[in-house]
Protein backbone atom coordinates (compact mmCIF):
# COMPACT_ATOMS: atom_id res chain seq x y z
CA UNK A 1 -10.91 -38.42 6.38
CA UNK A 2 -10.18 -42.02 7.32
CA UNK A 3 -11.02 -45.49 6.08
CA UNK A 4 -10.50 -48.83 7.85
CA UNK A 5 -8.67 -52.05 7.09
CA UNK A 6 -9.42 -55.28 8.97
CA UNK A 7 -6.99 -58.17 9.40
CA UNK A 8 -8.36 -61.53 10.59
CA UNK A 9 -6.36 -64.73 11.16
CA UNK A 10 -7.90 -68.09 12.02
CA UNK A 11 -6.61 -71.62 12.44
CA UNK A 12 -7.01 -73.64 9.25
CA UNK A 13 -7.40 -70.62 6.99
CA UNK A 14 -4.92 -68.01 5.74
CA UNK A 15 -5.11 -64.52 7.24
CA UNK A 16 -7.15 -62.12 5.18
CA UNK A 17 -7.51 -58.37 4.92
CA UNK A 18 -10.74 -56.55 4.23
CA UNK A 19 -11.34 -52.90 3.63
CA UNK A 20 -14.49 -50.85 3.88
CA UNK A 21 -16.54 -51.86 0.84
CA UNK A 22 -18.58 -48.67 1.01
CA UNK A 23 -17.53 -45.16 0.09
CA UNK A 24 -18.00 -44.05 3.69
CA UNK A 25 -15.17 -41.97 5.09
CA UNK A 26 -14.82 -41.12 8.77
CA UNK A 27 -13.87 -37.68 10.06
CA UNK A 28 -11.86 -38.91 13.05
CA UNK A 29 -9.65 -41.94 13.70
CA UNK A 30 -11.88 -42.82 16.68
CA UNK A 31 -15.03 -42.97 14.55
CA UNK A 32 -13.16 -45.03 11.97
CA UNK A 33 -11.92 -47.55 14.55
CA UNK A 34 -15.41 -47.84 16.04
CA UNK A 35 -16.97 -48.61 12.63
CA UNK A 36 -14.15 -50.99 11.71
CA UNK A 37 -14.48 -52.82 15.03
CA UNK A 38 -18.18 -53.40 14.45
CA UNK A 39 -17.46 -54.86 11.00
CA UNK A 40 -14.62 -56.99 12.39
CA UNK A 41 -16.96 -58.36 15.05
CA UNK A 42 -19.48 -59.33 12.34
CA UNK A 43 -16.77 -61.18 10.39
CA UNK A 44 -15.41 -62.99 13.45
CA UNK A 45 -18.86 -64.06 14.67
CA UNK A 46 -19.53 -65.61 11.27
CA UNK A 47 -16.20 -67.41 11.19
CA UNK A 48 -16.63 -68.75 14.72
CA UNK A 49 -20.15 -69.93 13.81
CA UNK A 50 -18.60 -71.89 10.92
CA UNK A 51 -16.21 -73.60 13.35
CA UNK A 52 -13.02 -71.58 12.82
CA UNK A 53 -10.85 -70.65 15.80
CA UNK A 54 -9.87 -67.00 15.86
CA UNK A 55 -6.12 -66.43 16.29
CA UNK A 56 -5.79 -62.69 15.73
CA UNK A 57 -7.79 -59.72 14.53
CA UNK A 58 -6.96 -56.07 14.16
CA UNK A 59 -8.55 -52.87 12.89
CA UNK A 60 -6.45 -50.05 11.51
CA UNK A 61 -7.51 -46.73 10.14
CA UNK A 62 -5.58 -44.88 7.51
CA UNK A 63 -5.97 -41.56 5.82
CA UNK A 64 -8.12 -41.96 2.75
CA UNK A 65 -6.50 -41.02 -0.56
CA UNK A 66 -7.40 -37.50 -1.74
CA UNK A 67 -9.49 -38.87 -4.63
CA UNK A 68 -11.72 -40.94 -2.31
């Protein structure tokens, strides 16, 4: 089972990392990346709407800890 981590960097703001705030776990890395990419796109649209310039963004999926 996998969970995603998103990294977003903009001009004028430090880079930040965000994880999946839900308890959803994904069975495959592909499904995890797809869900993480959708969430990243939501974040970046909001930041661009507030006037920030996107420098870099990335989605990574990692194995969830056994207790998750």
